[in-house]
Amino acid sequence: MKLLRDRGIPYNFIHSGQHQETISDIISDFQIRSPDYYIANGPDVKSKSQVPKWLYLCAARTGKNSGCWAGRKKGDKDIVLVHGDTLSTLAGALAAKRMGFQCAHIESGLRSFNIFHPFPEELIRLATFRLASVLYCPDASAVANVSSLKKVTINTQGNTMLDATRLAVEVSRRSGFSDFGIVSVHRYENIFNAERFSWLVDTIIRISKRHRLFFIMHPPTEQKLRASGLYSKLEAQPNIELKKRLGYFDFSGLLASAQFLVTDGGSNQEESSYLGLPCLVMRKATERSEGVGQNVVISNYESGTITKFFDNLANYRAEPTLSKNSPTEIIVKHLENFYGNIG
């Protein structure tokens, strides 16, 4: 959206409401305009019980007479851009299909090849690949993963996260802290599995015996911590500081100052690979190749793997790789060439 604005290319910004609490920071950081249309304009979707209602709103408010299409009609030569593997991604792709619009999937072709890890993200990707007509893939392996679908496939030579991280590191203020690590967990398969979530909290507490930790809480994570009684358990630890989710630029500044990152987020894994930051991924599988075998270790929820990571932390520090490639430029140029006066 920032590049579209800079090029004077018209677009509509449709906000699903899935992450309402962070959108104002993102708008401010990237200096983009506020959403043209909110599908849901209320609190974040923080629990499984809220998902059906939110999905109903996504379906009901993206029909042919919806204000989200700003006067466009079924069959118009428009393209809907969706990104990643969230429920909003799938909702956007389904809405585009229903309207007869083209759909382009950014960060496409990534696979873990395990439908349960991550769940439901892997299934969302598989569905979106088939709904979209244009697949913007971050590398050759992602292109190969969708080659059998016979779609318009573009290798963007990286993810748009590269452009975002580069910009954030350039303008963000360093944290001013030293000798600390960051924890960020929010994936469905972690926070909605009571036994695993409890084990993760115990593991984080063990890590805090050796390292100072900043635990960055996504809204659903905080809600689950409080509901399960684990919040007070973490709060009682002298070496753990619980922090509300930060704005993107503030979080990037913290990452750039940290010793390591413990996360279950694919985007966080990718950011750490660009920064050369030692990163422990709390999952059984990842759809991303960035940093794996270098600065990134997949824990597989194994205590031995986690201990080895922290015993050899310095070995996982790598050189930053914030190359000058611009995946965003590649996407926008393709949109201009392929669709002409896009909207």
C-alpha atoms as a PDB file:
ATOM      1  CA  MET A   1       0.000   0.000   0.000  1.00  0.00           C
ATOM      2  CA  LYS A   2       2.884   2.365   0.718  1.00  0.00           C
ATOM      3  CA  LEU A   3       4.354   1.779  -2.748  1.00  0.00           C
ATOM      4  CA  LEU A   4       0.963   2.007  -4.450  1.00  0.00           C
ATOM      5  CA  ARG A   5       0.465   5.359  -2.737  1.00  0.00           C
ATOM      6  CA  ASP A   6       3.931   6.570  -3.774  1.00  0.00           C
ATOM      7  CA  ARG A   7       3.209   5.588  -7.399  1.00  0.00           C
ATOM      8  CA  GLY A   8      -0.198   7.247  -7.413  1.00  0.00           C
ATOM      9  CA  ILE A   9      -1.951   3.948  -8.122  1.00  0.00           C
ATOM     10  CA  PRO A  10      -5.530   3.840  -6.761  1.00  0.00           C
ATOM     11  CA  TYR A  11      -6.502   1.083  -4.366  1.00  0.00           C
ATOM     12  CA  ASN A  12      -9.091   0.232  -1.725  1.00  0.00           C
ATOM     13  CA  PHE A  13      -7.932  -0.794   1.735  1.00  0.00           C
ATOM     14  CA  ILE A  14     -10.412  -3.346   3.115  1.00  0.00           C
ATOM     15  CA  HIS A  15      -9.739  -4.237   6.744  1.00  0.00           C
ATOM     16  CA  SER A  16     -11.111  -7.553   7.970  1.00  0.00           C
ATOM     17  CA  GLY A  17     -11.012  -6.601  11.657  1.00  0.00           C
ATOM     18  CA  GLN A  18      -9.019  -9.697  12.600  1.00  0.00           C
ATOM     19  CA  HIS A  19      -6.257  -7.620  14.235  1.00  0.00           C
ATOM     20  CA  GLN A  20      -8.053  -4.406  15.057  1.00  0.00           C
ATOM     21  CA  GLU A  21      -5.895  -3.434  18.033  1.00  0.00           C
ATOM     22  CA  THR A  22      -2.694  -3.064  16.003  1.00  0.00           C
ATOM     23  CA  ILE A  23      -3.928  -1.433  12.814  1.00  0.00           C
ATOM     24  CA  SER A  24      -3.488   2.163  14.044  1.00  0.00           C
ATOM     25  CA  ASP A  25       0.210   1.550  14.787  1.00  0.00           C
ATOM     26  CA  ILE A  26       0.726  -0.011  11.353  1.00  0.00           C
ATOM     27  CA  ILE A  27      -1.004   2.924   9.643  1.00  0.00           C
ATOM     28  CA  SER A  28       1.174   5.365  11.567  1.00  0.00           C
ATOM     29  CA  ASP A  29       4.444   3.479  11.056  1.00  0.00           C
ATOM     30  CA  PHE A  30       4.029   2.992   7.308  1.00  0.00           C
ATOM     31  CA  GLN A  31       2.236   6.331   6.758  1.00  0.00           C
ATOM     32  CA  ILE A  32      -0.643   4.788   4.833  1.00  0.00           C
ATOM     33  CA  ARG A  33      -4.246   5.916   4.902  1.00  0.00           C
ATOM     34  CA  SER A  34      -6.911   4.482   7.166  1.00  0.00           C
ATOM     35  CA  PRO A  35      -9.049   1.619   5.833  1.00  0.00           C
ATOM     36  CA  ASP A  36     -11.666   2.542   3.256  1.00  0.00           C
ATOM     37  CA  TYR A  37     -13.943  -0.150   4.636  1.00  0.00           C
ATOM     38  CA  TYR A  38     -14.121  -2.222   7.808  1.00  0.00           C
ATOM     39  CA  ILE A  39     -15.701  -5.649   7.561  1.00  0.00           C
ATOM     40  CA  ALA A  40     -15.696  -5.801  11.354  1.00  0.00           C
ATOM     41  CA  ASN A  41     -14.801  -2.754  13.421  1.00  0.00           C
ATOM     42  CA  GLY A  42     -14.536  -3.996  16.968  1.00  0.00           C
ATOM     43  CA  PRO A  43     -12.195  -5.861  19.322  1.00  0.00           C
ATOM     44  CA  ASP A  44      -9.646  -8.382  18.041  1.00  0.00           C
ATOM     45  CA  VAL A  45     -10.743 -11.949  17.402  1.00  0.00           C
ATOM     46  CA  LYS A  46      -9.156 -13.522  20.477  1.00  0.00           C
ATOM     47  CA  SER A  47     -10.928 -16.838  20.979  1.00  0.00           C
ATOM     48  CA  LYS A  48     -12.293 -19.768  18.989  1.00  0.00           C
ATOM     49  CA  SER A  49     -15.838 -18.869  20.039  1.00  0.00           C
ATOM     50  CA  GLN A  50     -15.564 -15.497  18.240  1.00  0.00           C
ATOM     51  CA  VAL A  51     -14.443 -16.979  14.918  1.00  0.00           C
ATOM     52  CA  PRO A  52     -17.844 -18.167  13.561  1.00  0.00           C
ATOM     53  CA  LYS A  53     -19.452 -14.741  14.046  1.00  0.00           C
ATOM     54  CA  TRP A  54     -16.473 -12.987  12.472  1.00  0.00           C
ATOM     55  CA  LEU A  55     -16.486 -15.360   9.482  1.00  0.00           C
ATOM     56  CA  TYR A  56     -20.227 -14.745   9.079  1.00  0.00           C
ATOM     57  CA  LEU A  57     -19.555 -10.997   8.967  1.00  0.00           C
ATOM     58  CA  CYS A  58     -16.823 -11.545   6.355  1.00  0.00           C
ATOM     59  CA  ALA A  59     -19.297 -13.399   4.166  1.00  0.00           C
ATOM     60  CA  ALA A  60     -22.234 -11.051   4.768  1.00  0.00           C
ATOM     61  CA  ARG A  61     -20.296  -7.810   4.248  1.00  0.00           C
ATOM     62  CA  THR A  62     -18.391  -8.700   1.095  1.00  0.00           C
ATOM     63  CA  GLY A  63     -21.364  -9.441  -1.164  1.00  0.00           C
ATOM     64  CA  LYS A  64     -22.184  -7.741  -4.459  1.00  0.00           C
ATOM     65  CA  ASN A  65     -23.850  -4.716  -2.787  1.00  0.00           C
ATOM     66  CA  SER A  66     -21.184  -4.268  -0.123  1.00  0.00           C
ATOM     67  CA  GLY A  67     -19.552  -0.896   0.376  1.00  0.00           C
ATOM     68  CA  CYS A  68     -16.187  -2.632   0.469  1.00  0.00           C
ATOM     69  CA  TRP A  69     -16.160  -2.759  -3.348  1.00  0.00           C
ATOM     70  CA  ALA A  70     -16.604   1.034  -3.673  1.00  0.00           C
ATOM     71  CA  GLY A  71     -19.102   0.932  -6.528  1.00  0.00           C
ATOM     72  CA  ARG A  72     -17.396  -1.859  -8.446  1.00  0.00           C
ATOM     73  CA  LYS A  73     -19.555  -4.673  -9.716  1.00  0.00           C
ATOM     74  CA  LYS A  74     -19.241  -8.357 -10.394  1.00  0.00           C
ATOM     75  CA  GLY A  75     -17.070  -9.048 -13.406  1.00  0.00           C
ATOM     76  CA  ASP A  76     -15.157  -5.725 -13.311  1.00  0.00           C
ATOM     77  CA  LYS A  77     -11.476  -5.946 -14.150  1.00  0.00           C
ATOM     78  CA  ASP A  78     -10.216  -5.652 -10.600  1.00  0.00           C
ATOM     79  CA  ILE A  79      -7.784  -7.648  -8.544  1.00  0.00           C
ATOM     80  CA  VAL A  80      -7.957  -8.406  -4.835  1.00  0.00           C
ATOM     81  CA  LEU A  81      -4.604  -8.782  -3.054  1.00  0.00           C
ATOM     82  CA  VAL A  82      -4.416 -11.110  -0.068  1.00  0.00           C
ATOM     83  CA  HIS A  83      -1.349 -11.981   1.942  1.00  0.00           C
ATOM     84  CA  GLY A  84      -0.017 -14.867   4.008  1.00  0.00           C
ATOM     85  CA  ASP A  85      -1.987 -17.587   5.761  1.00  0.00           C
ATOM     86  CA  THR A  86      -4.479 -16.022   8.165  1.00  0.00           C
ATOM     87  CA  LEU A  87      -8.243 -16.491   8.173  1.00  0.00           C
ATOM     88  CA  SER A  88      -8.452 -13.020   6.620  1.00  0.00           C
ATOM     89  CA  THR A  89      -6.426 -14.338   3.677  1.00  0.00           C
ATOM     90  CA  LEU A  90      -8.974 -17.054   2.995  1.00  0.00           C
ATOM     91  CA  ALA A  91     -11.935 -14.731   3.562  1.00  0.00           C
ATOM     92  CA  GLY A  92     -10.524 -12.229   1.058  1.00  0.00           C
ATOM     93  CA  ALA A  93      -9.839 -14.900  -1.558  1.00  0.00           C
ATOM     94  CA  LEU A  94     -13.364 -16.315  -1.184  1.00  0.00           C
ATOM     95  CA  ALA A  95     -14.891 -12.838  -1.474  1.00  0.00           C
ATOM     96  CA  ALA A  96     -12.920 -12.139  -4.664  1.00  0.00           C
ATOM     97  CA  LYS A  97     -14.000 -15.455  -6.162  1.00  0.00           C
ATOM     98  CA  ARG A  98     -17.653 -14.762  -5.360  1.00  0.00           C
ATOM     99  CA  MET A  99     -17.462 -11.361  -7.066  1.00  0.00           C
ATOM    100  CA  GLY A 100     -15.709 -12.737 -10.147  1.00  0.00           C
ATOM    101  CA  PHE A 101     -12.626 -10.619  -9.449  1.00  0.00           C
ATOM    102  CA  GLN A 102      -9.055 -11.766  -9.928  1.00  0.00           C
ATOM    103  CA  CYS A 103      -7.219 -12.649  -6.708  1.00  0.00           C
ATOM    104  CA  ALA A 104      -3.458 -12.416  -6.173  1.00  0.00           C
ATOM    105  CA  HIS A 105      -1.829 -14.177  -3.233  1.00  0.00           C
ATOM    106  CA  ILE A 106       1.287 -12.513  -1.825  1.00  0.00           C
ATOM    107  CA  GLU A 107       3.750 -14.785   0.015  1.00  0.00           C
ATOM    108  CA  SER A 108       2.365 -17.716  -1.942  1.00  0.00           C
ATOM    109  CA  GLY A 109       3.702 -21.236  -2.441  1.00  0.00           C
ATOM    110  CA  LEU A 110       5.043 -21.713   1.086  1.00  0.00           C
ATOM    111  CA  ARG A 111       4.394 -25.171   2.532  1.00  0.00           C
ATOM    112  CA  SER A 112       5.203 -27.064   5.716  1.00  0.00           C
ATOM    113  CA  PHE A 113       3.786 -30.251   4.131  1.00  0.00           C
ATOM    114  CA  ASN A 114       2.089 -31.061   7.431  1.00  0.00           C
ATOM    115  CA  ILE A 115      -1.581 -30.094   7.637  1.00  0.00           C
ATOM    116  CA  PHE A 116      -1.502 -30.078  11.458  1.00  0.00           C
ATOM    117  CA  HIS A 117       1.629 -27.913  11.817  1.00  0.00           C
ATOM    118  CA  PRO A 118       0.764 -25.137  11.517  1.00  0.00           C
ATOM    119  CA  PHE A 119      -2.976 -25.638  11.833  1.00  0.00           C
ATOM    120  CA  PRO A 120      -5.116 -24.181  10.320  1.00  0.00           C
ATOM    121  CA  GLU A 121      -2.585 -22.071   8.409  1.00  0.00           C
ATOM    122  CA  GLU A 122      -1.368 -24.899   6.174  1.00  0.00           C
ATOM    123  CA  LEU A 123      -4.940 -25.655   5.099  1.00  0.00           C
ATOM    124  CA  ILE A 124      -5.607 -21.954   4.509  1.00  0.00           C
ATOM    125  CA  ARG A 125      -2.607 -21.770   2.180  1.00  0.00           C
ATOM    126  CA  LEU A 126      -3.710 -24.830   0.207  1.00  0.00           C
ATOM    127  CA  ALA A 127      -7.188 -23.351  -0.271  1.00  0.00           C
ATOM    128  CA  THR A 128      -5.866 -19.907  -1.202  1.00  0.00           C
ATOM    129  CA  PHE A 129      -3.476 -21.333  -3.821  1.00  0.00           C
ATOM    130  CA  ARG A 130      -6.494 -22.754  -5.611  1.00  0.00           C
ATOM    131  CA  LEU A 131      -8.726 -19.703  -5.250  1.00  0.00           C
ATOM    132  CA  ALA A 132      -6.119 -17.199  -6.450  1.00  0.00           C
ATOM    133  CA  SER A 133      -5.290 -16.608 -10.102  1.00  0.00           C
ATOM    134  CA  VAL A 134      -1.884 -14.994  -9.498  1.00  0.00           C
ATOM    135  CA  LEU A 135       0.651 -16.422  -7.051  1.00  0.00           C
ATOM    136  CA  TYR A 136       3.479 -14.143  -5.875  1.00  0.00           C
ATOM    137  CA  CYS A 137       6.055 -16.612  -4.528  1.00  0.00           C
ATOM    138  CA  PRO A 138       9.102 -15.515  -2.483  1.00  0.00           C
ATOM    139  CA  ASP A 139      11.587 -17.989  -3.989  1.00  0.00           C
ATOM    140  CA  ALA A 140      12.131 -20.809  -6.476  1.00  0.00           C
ATOM    141  CA  SER A 141      11.111 -23.554  -4.045  1.00  0.00           C
ATOM    142  CA  ALA A 142       7.777 -21.825  -3.399  1.00  0.00           C
ATOM    143  CA  VAL A 143       7.273 -21.558  -7.174  1.00  0.00           C
ATOM    144  CA  ALA A 144       7.945 -25.292  -7.494  1.00  0.00           C
ATOM    145  CA  ASN A 145       5.384 -26.051  -4.766  1.00  0.00           C
ATOM    146  CA  VAL A 146       2.563 -24.580  -6.871  1.00  0.00           C
ATOM    147  CA  SER A 147       3.833 -25.350 -10.368  1.00  0.00           C
ATOM    148  CA  SER A 148       1.253 -28.113 -10.885  1.00  0.00           C
ATOM    149  CA  LEU A 149      -1.634 -25.637 -10.406  1.00  0.00           C
ATOM    150  CA  LYS A 150      -0.957 -23.908 -13.750  1.00  0.00           C
ATOM    151  CA  LYS A 151      -1.472 -20.405 -12.310  1.00  0.00           C
ATOM    152  CA  VAL A 152       0.271 -17.154 -13.170  1.00  0.00           C
ATOM    153  CA  THR A 153       3.290 -17.515 -10.892  1.00  0.00           C
ATOM    154  CA  ILE A 154       5.869 -14.820 -10.172  1.00  0.00           C
ATOM    155  CA  ASN A 155       9.117 -15.276  -8.215  1.00  0.00           C
ATOM    156  CA  THR A 156       9.354 -12.077  -6.158  1.00  0.00           C
ATOM    157  CA  GLN A 157      12.917 -12.927  -5.026  1.00  0.00           C
ATOM    158  CA  GLY A 158      11.998 -12.568  -1.403  1.00  0.00           C
ATOM    159  CA  ASN A 159       8.992 -11.678   0.692  1.00  0.00           C
ATOM    160  CA  THR A 160       7.568  -8.186   1.132  1.00  0.00           C
ATOM    161  CA  MET A 161       8.678  -8.682   4.749  1.00  0.00           C
ATOM    162  CA  LEU A 162      12.195  -7.894   3.480  1.00  0.00           C
ATOM    163  CA  ASP A 163      11.110  -4.398   2.431  1.00  0.00           C
ATOM    164  CA  ALA A 164       9.195  -3.916   5.691  1.00  0.00           C
ATOM    165  CA  THR A 165      12.113  -5.071   7.874  1.00  0.00           C
ATOM    166  CA  ARG A 166      14.623  -2.935   5.995  1.00  0.00           C
ATOM    167  CA  LEU A 167      12.454   0.157   6.402  1.00  0.00           C
ATOM    168  CA  ALA A 168      11.709  -0.586  10.057  1.00  0.00           C
ATOM    169  CA  VAL A 169      15.370  -1.084  10.979  1.00  0.00           C
ATOM    170  CA  GLU A 170      16.290   2.155   9.201  1.00  0.00           C
ATOM    171  CA  VAL A 171      13.822   4.295  11.116  1.00  0.00           C
ATOM    172  CA  SER A 172      13.293   2.454  14.419  1.00  0.00           C
ATOM    173  CA  ARG A 173      14.980   3.461  17.625  1.00  0.00           C
ATOM    174  CA  ARG A 174      17.128   0.820  19.274  1.00  0.00           C
ATOM    175  CA  SER A 175      15.654  -0.373  22.539  1.00  0.00           C
ATOM    176  CA  GLY A 176      18.315   0.945  24.912  1.00  0.00           C
ATOM    177  CA  PHE A 177      18.300  -2.438  26.668  1.00  0.00           C
ATOM    178  CA  SER A 178      21.072  -5.020  26.562  1.00  0.00           C
ATOM    179  CA  ASP A 179      21.503  -8.715  27.319  1.00  0.00           C
ATOM    180  CA  PHE A 180      17.931  -9.850  26.755  1.00  0.00           C
ATOM    181  CA  GLY A 181      15.869 -12.189  24.603  1.00  0.00           C
ATOM    182  CA  ILE A 182      12.389 -11.840  23.127  1.00  0.00           C
ATOM    183  CA  VAL A 183       9.507 -14.319  23.394  1.00  0.00           C
ATOM    184  CA  SER A 184       6.484 -14.133  21.093  1.00  0.00           C
ATOM    185  CA  VAL A 185       3.996 -17.018  20.819  1.00  0.00           C
ATOM    186  CA  HIS A 186       0.509 -16.785  19.344  1.00  0.00           C
ATOM    187  CA  ARG A 187      -0.111 -19.712  16.964  1.00  0.00           C
ATOM    188  CA  TYR A 188      -3.391 -21.585  17.182  1.00  0.00           C
ATOM    189  CA  GLU A 189      -1.701 -24.963  17.745  1.00  0.00           C
ATOM    190  CA  ASN A 190       0.185 -23.548  20.741  1.00  0.00           C
ATOM    191  CA  ILE A 191      -2.183 -21.288  22.653  1.00  0.00           C
ATOM    192  CA  PHE A 192      -5.345 -23.380  22.152  1.00  0.00           C
ATOM    193  CA  ASN A 193      -3.689 -26.631  23.250  1.00  0.00           C
ATOM    194  CA  ALA A 194      -3.815 -26.432  27.049  1.00  0.00           C
ATOM    195  CA  GLU A 195      -1.151 -29.054  27.726  1.00  0.00           C
ATOM    196  CA  ARG A 196       1.270 -27.653  25.171  1.00  0.00           C
ATOM    197  CA  PHE A 197       0.658 -24.057  26.247  1.00  0.00           C
ATOM    198  CA  SER A 198       1.421 -24.958  29.869  1.00  0.00           C
ATOM    199  CA  TRP A 199       4.598 -26.753  28.763  1.00  0.00           C
ATOM    200  CA  LEU A 200       5.643 -23.698  26.732  1.00  0.00           C
ATOM    201  CA  VAL A 201       5.178 -21.419  29.727  1.00  0.00           C
ATOM    202  CA  ASP A 202       7.259 -23.773  31.916  1.00  0.00           C
ATOM    203  CA  THR A 203       9.947 -23.849  29.222  1.00  0.00           C
ATOM    204  CA  ILE A 204      10.016 -20.057  29.002  1.00  0.00           C
ATOM    205  CA  ILE A 205      10.406 -19.874  32.768  1.00  0.00           C
ATOM    206  CA  ARG A 206      13.371 -22.278  32.574  1.00  0.00           C
ATOM    207  CA  ILE A 207      14.955 -20.114  29.883  1.00  0.00           C
ATOM    208  CA  SER A 208      14.502 -17.067  32.123  1.00  0.00           C
ATOM    209  CA  LYS A 209      16.778 -18.668  34.734  1.00  0.00           C
ATOM    210  CA  ARG A 210      19.625 -18.065  32.276  1.00  0.00           C
ATOM    211  CA  HIS A 211      18.464 -14.999  30.328  1.00  0.00           C
ATOM    212  CA  ARG A 212      16.388 -11.882  30.823  1.00  0.00           C
ATOM    213  CA  LEU A 213      13.220 -12.127  28.704  1.00  0.00           C
ATOM    214  CA  PHE A 214      10.720  -9.703  27.232  1.00  0.00           C
ATOM    215  CA  PHE A 215       7.495 -11.647  26.629  1.00  0.00           C
ATOM    216  CA  ILE A 216       5.529  -9.836  23.906  1.00  0.00           C
ATOM    217  CA  MET A 217       1.855 -10.715  24.234  1.00  0.00           C
ATOM    218  CA  HIS A 218      -0.496 -10.856  21.250  1.00  0.00           C
ATOM    219  CA  PRO A 219      -4.067 -10.136  22.434  1.00  0.00           C
ATOM    220  CA  PRO A 220      -5.227 -13.785  22.092  1.00  0.00           C
ATOM    221  CA  THR A 221      -2.100 -14.958  23.950  1.00  0.00           C
ATOM    222  CA  GLU A 222      -2.734 -12.601  26.850  1.00  0.00           C
ATOM    223  CA  GLN A 223      -6.347 -13.721  27.046  1.00  0.00           C
ATOM    224  CA  LYS A 224      -5.338 -17.395  27.177  1.00  0.00           C
ATOM    225  CA  LEU A 225      -2.634 -16.687  29.770  1.00  0.00           C
ATOM    226  CA  ARG A 226      -5.153 -14.980  32.040  1.00  0.00           C
ATOM    227  CA  ALA A 227      -7.907 -17.550  31.491  1.00  0.00           C
ATOM    228  CA  SER A 228      -5.573 -20.457  32.284  1.00  0.00           C
ATOM    229  CA  GLY A 229      -3.943 -18.869  35.350  1.00  0.00           C
ATOM    230  CA  LEU A 230      -0.552 -18.826  33.617  1.00  0.00           C
ATOM    231  CA  TYR A 231      -0.313 -15.030  33.484  1.00  0.00           C
ATOM    232  CA  SER A 232       0.380 -14.716  37.212  1.00  0.00           C
ATOM    233  CA  LYS A 233       2.901 -17.556  36.969  1.00  0.00           C
ATOM    234  CA  LEU A 234       4.913 -15.609  34.376  1.00  0.00           C
ATOM    235  CA  GLU A 235       4.373 -12.297  36.159  1.00  0.00           C
ATOM    236  CA  ALA A 236       5.988 -13.729  39.303  1.00  0.00           C
ATOM    237  CA  GLN A 237       9.261 -14.452  37.488  1.00  0.00           C
ATOM    238  CA  PRO A 238      11.874 -11.769  38.229  1.00  0.00           C
ATOM    239  CA  ASN A 239      13.645 -12.222  34.887  1.00  0.00           C
ATOM    240  CA  ILE A 240      10.518 -12.014  32.691  1.00  0.00           C
ATOM    241  CA  GLU A 241       8.910  -8.729  31.698  1.00  0.00           C
ATOM    242  CA  LEU A 242       5.438  -9.027  30.172  1.00  0.00           C
ATOM    243  CA  LYS A 243       4.808  -6.469  27.432  1.00  0.00           C
ATOM    244  CA  LYS A 244       1.760  -5.601  25.384  1.00  0.00           C
ATOM    245  CA  ARG A 245       2.143  -6.195  21.678  1.00  0.00           C
ATOM    246  CA  LEU A 246       4.329  -3.444  20.223  1.00  0.00           C
ATOM    247  CA  GLY A 247       3.977  -1.452  17.030  1.00  0.00           C
ATOM    248  CA  TYR A 248       5.884  -2.898  14.096  1.00  0.00           C
ATOM    249  CA  PHE A 249       8.716  -0.357  14.130  1.00  0.00           C
ATOM    250  CA  ASP A 250       9.106  -0.527  17.923  1.00  0.00           C
ATOM    251  CA  PHE A 251       9.209  -4.330  17.773  1.00  0.00           C
ATOM    252  CA  SER A 252      11.812  -4.187  14.991  1.00  0.00           C
ATOM    253  CA  GLY A 253      13.981  -1.908  17.119  1.00  0.00           C
ATOM    254  CA  LEU A 254      13.717  -4.387  19.975  1.00  0.00           C
ATOM    255  CA  LEU A 255      14.627  -7.280  17.660  1.00  0.00           C
ATOM    256  CA  ALA A 256      17.674  -5.428  16.362  1.00  0.00           C
ATOM    257  CA  SER A 257      18.945  -5.062  19.950  1.00  0.00           C
ATOM    258  CA  ALA A 258      18.129  -8.569  21.205  1.00  0.00           C
ATOM    259  CA  GLN A 259      20.412 -11.555  21.799  1.00  0.00           C
ATOM    260  CA  PHE A 260      17.853 -14.085  20.569  1.00  0.00           C
ATOM    261  CA  LEU A 261      14.203 -14.678  19.696  1.00  0.00           C
ATOM    262  CA  VAL A 262      11.846 -17.469  20.801  1.00  0.00           C
ATOM    263  CA  THR A 263       8.775 -17.511  18.572  1.00  0.00           C
ATOM    264  CA  ASP A 264       6.168 -19.587  16.776  1.00  0.00           C
ATOM    265  CA  GLY A 265       5.576 -16.935  14.097  1.00  0.00           C
ATOM    266  CA  GLY A 266       6.732 -17.470  10.526  1.00  0.00           C
ATOM    267  CA  SER A 267       7.082 -13.729   9.962  1.00  0.00           C
ATOM    268  CA  ASN A 268       9.221 -13.414  13.088  1.00  0.00           C
ATOM    269  CA  GLN A 269      11.390 -16.288  11.852  1.00  0.00           C
ATOM    270  CA  GLU A 270      11.854 -14.466   8.568  1.00  0.00           C
ATOM    271  CA  GLU A 271      12.672 -11.148  10.262  1.00  0.00           C
ATOM    272  CA  SER A 272      15.276 -12.866  12.423  1.00  0.00           C
ATOM    273  CA  SER A 273      16.920 -14.383   9.337  1.00  0.00           C
ATOM    274  CA  TYR A 274      17.313 -10.923   7.767  1.00  0.00           C
ATOM    275  CA  LEU A 275      18.842  -9.622  11.012  1.00  0.00           C
ATOM    276  CA  GLY A 276      21.049 -12.687  11.653  1.00  0.00           C
ATOM    277  CA  LEU A 277      19.378 -13.064  15.060  1.00  0.00           C
ATOM    278  CA  PRO A 278      19.473 -16.492  16.778  1.00  0.00           C
ATOM    279  CA  CYS A 279      15.908 -17.771  16.588  1.00  0.00           C
ATOM    280  CA  LEU A 280      14.236 -20.763  18.256  1.00  0.00           C
ATOM    281  CA  VAL A 281      10.946 -21.677  16.550  1.00  0.00           C
ATOM    282  CA  MET A 282       8.430 -23.337  18.865  1.00  0.00           C
ATOM    283  CA  ARG A 283       6.821 -25.573  16.263  1.00  0.00           C
ATOM    284  CA  LYS A 284       7.192 -29.024  14.726  1.00  0.00           C
ATOM    285  CA  ALA A 285       7.468 -27.694  11.186  1.00  0.00           C
ATOM    286  CA  THR A 286       7.801 -24.395   9.355  1.00  0.00           C
ATOM    287  CA  GLU A 287       6.664 -23.361   5.899  1.00  0.00           C
ATOM    288  CA  ARG A 288       9.643 -21.012   5.569  1.00  0.00           C
ATOM    289  CA  SER A 289      13.217 -21.855   4.674  1.00  0.00           C
ATOM    290  CA  GLU A 290      14.733 -18.534   5.765  1.00  0.00           C
ATOM    291  CA  GLY A 291      17.493 -19.036   8.295  1.00  0.00           C
ATOM    292  CA  VAL A 292      16.939 -22.777   8.863  1.00  0.00           C
ATOM    293  CA  GLY A 293      20.328 -24.430   9.392  1.00  0.00           C
ATOM    294  CA  GLN A 294      21.923 -21.056  10.057  1.00  0.00           C
ATOM    295  CA  ASN A 295      20.417 -18.747  12.673  1.00  0.00           C
ATOM    296  CA  VAL A 296      17.082 -20.626  12.990  1.00  0.00           C
ATOM    297  CA  VAL A 297      16.428 -23.849  14.938  1.00  0.00           C
ATOM    298  CA  ILE A 298      13.087 -25.696  14.869  1.00  0.00           C
ATOM    299  CA  SER A 299      12.493 -26.944  18.416  1.00  0.00           C
ATOM    300  CA  ASN A 300      10.041 -29.774  17.617  1.00  0.00           C
ATOM    301  CA  TYR A 301       9.056 -29.193  21.269  1.00  0.00           C
ATOM    302  CA  GLU A 302      12.116 -31.190  22.351  1.00  0.00           C
ATOM    303  CA  SER A 303      13.822 -30.095  25.570  1.00  0.00           C
ATOM    304  CA  GLY A 304      17.203 -31.367  24.368  1.00  0.00           C
ATOM    305  CA  THR A 305      17.036 -29.259  21.208  1.00  0.00           C
ATOM    306  CA  ILE A 306      16.105 -26.198  23.254  1.00  0.00           C
ATOM    307  CA  THR A 307      18.955 -26.736  25.727  1.00  0.00           C
ATOM    308  CA  LYS A 308      21.443 -27.202  22.887  1.00  0.00           C
ATOM    309  CA  PHE A 309      20.264 -23.953  21.268  1.00  0.00           C
ATOM    310  CA  PHE A 310      20.968 -21.935  24.411  1.00  0.00           C
ATOM    311  CA  ASP A 311      24.229 -23.751  25.183  1.00  0.00           C
ATOM    312  CA  ASN A 312      25.500 -22.719  21.737  1.00  0.00           C
ATOM    313  CA  LEU A 313      23.720 -19.407  21.303  1.00  0.00           C
ATOM    314  CA  ALA A 314      26.681 -17.550  19.811  1.00  0.00           C
ATOM    315  CA  ASN A 315      26.980 -20.139  17.039  1.00  0.00           C
ATOM    316  CA  TYR A 316      23.572 -19.150  15.704  1.00  0.00           C
ATOM    317  CA  ARG A 317      24.410 -15.490  15.246  1.00  0.00           C
ATOM    318  CA  ALA A 318      24.710 -14.744  11.509  1.00  0.00           C
ATOM    319  CA  GLU A 319      25.489 -11.740   9.348  1.00  0.00           C
ATOM    320  CA  PRO A 320      22.465  -9.561   8.525  1.00  0.00           C
ATOM    321  CA  THR A 321      21.163 -10.100   4.983  1.00  0.00           C
ATOM    322  CA  LEU A 322      19.015  -7.046   4.305  1.00  0.00           C
ATOM    323  CA  SER A 323      19.680  -7.159   0.554  1.00  0.00           C
ATOM    324  CA  LYS A 324      18.596  -4.395  -1.802  1.00  0.00           C
ATOM    325  CA  ASN A 325      16.127  -6.646  -3.618  1.00  0.00           C
ATOM    326  CA  SER A 326      12.596  -5.277  -3.435  1.00  0.00           C
ATOM    327  CA  PRO A 327       9.881  -7.932  -3.693  1.00  0.00           C
ATOM    328  CA  THR A 328       7.290  -5.161  -3.378  1.00  0.00           C
ATOM    329  CA  GLU A 329       8.672  -3.456  -6.511  1.00  0.00           C
ATOM    330  CA  ILE A 330       8.421  -6.725  -8.438  1.00  0.00           C
ATOM    331  CA  ILE A 331       4.783  -7.195  -7.393  1.00  0.00           C
ATOM    332  CA  VAL A 332       3.689  -3.649  -8.224  1.00  0.00           C
ATOM    333  CA  LYS A 333       5.486  -3.664 -11.585  1.00  0.00           C
ATOM    334  CA  HIS A 334       3.790  -6.943 -12.486  1.00  0.00           C
ATOM    335  CA  LEU A 335       0.402  -5.545 -11.488  1.00  0.00           C
ATOM    336  CA  GLU A 336       0.964  -2.474 -13.638  1.00  0.00           C
ATOM    337  CA  ASN A 337       2.105  -4.495 -16.669  1.00  0.00           C
ATOM    338  CA  PHE A 338      -0.476  -7.254 -16.334  1.00  0.00           C
ATOM    339  CA  TYR A 339      -3.541  -5.248 -15.365  1.00  0.00           C
ATOM    340  CA  GLY A 340      -2.789  -1.756 -16.629  1.00  0.00           C
ATOM    341  CA  ASN A 341      -4.895   0.750 -14.693  1.00  0.00           C
ATOM    342  CA  ILE A 342      -5.377  -1.466 -11.671  1.00  0.00           C
ATOM    343  CA  GLY A 343      -7.853  -0.687  -8.913  1.00  0.00           C
END
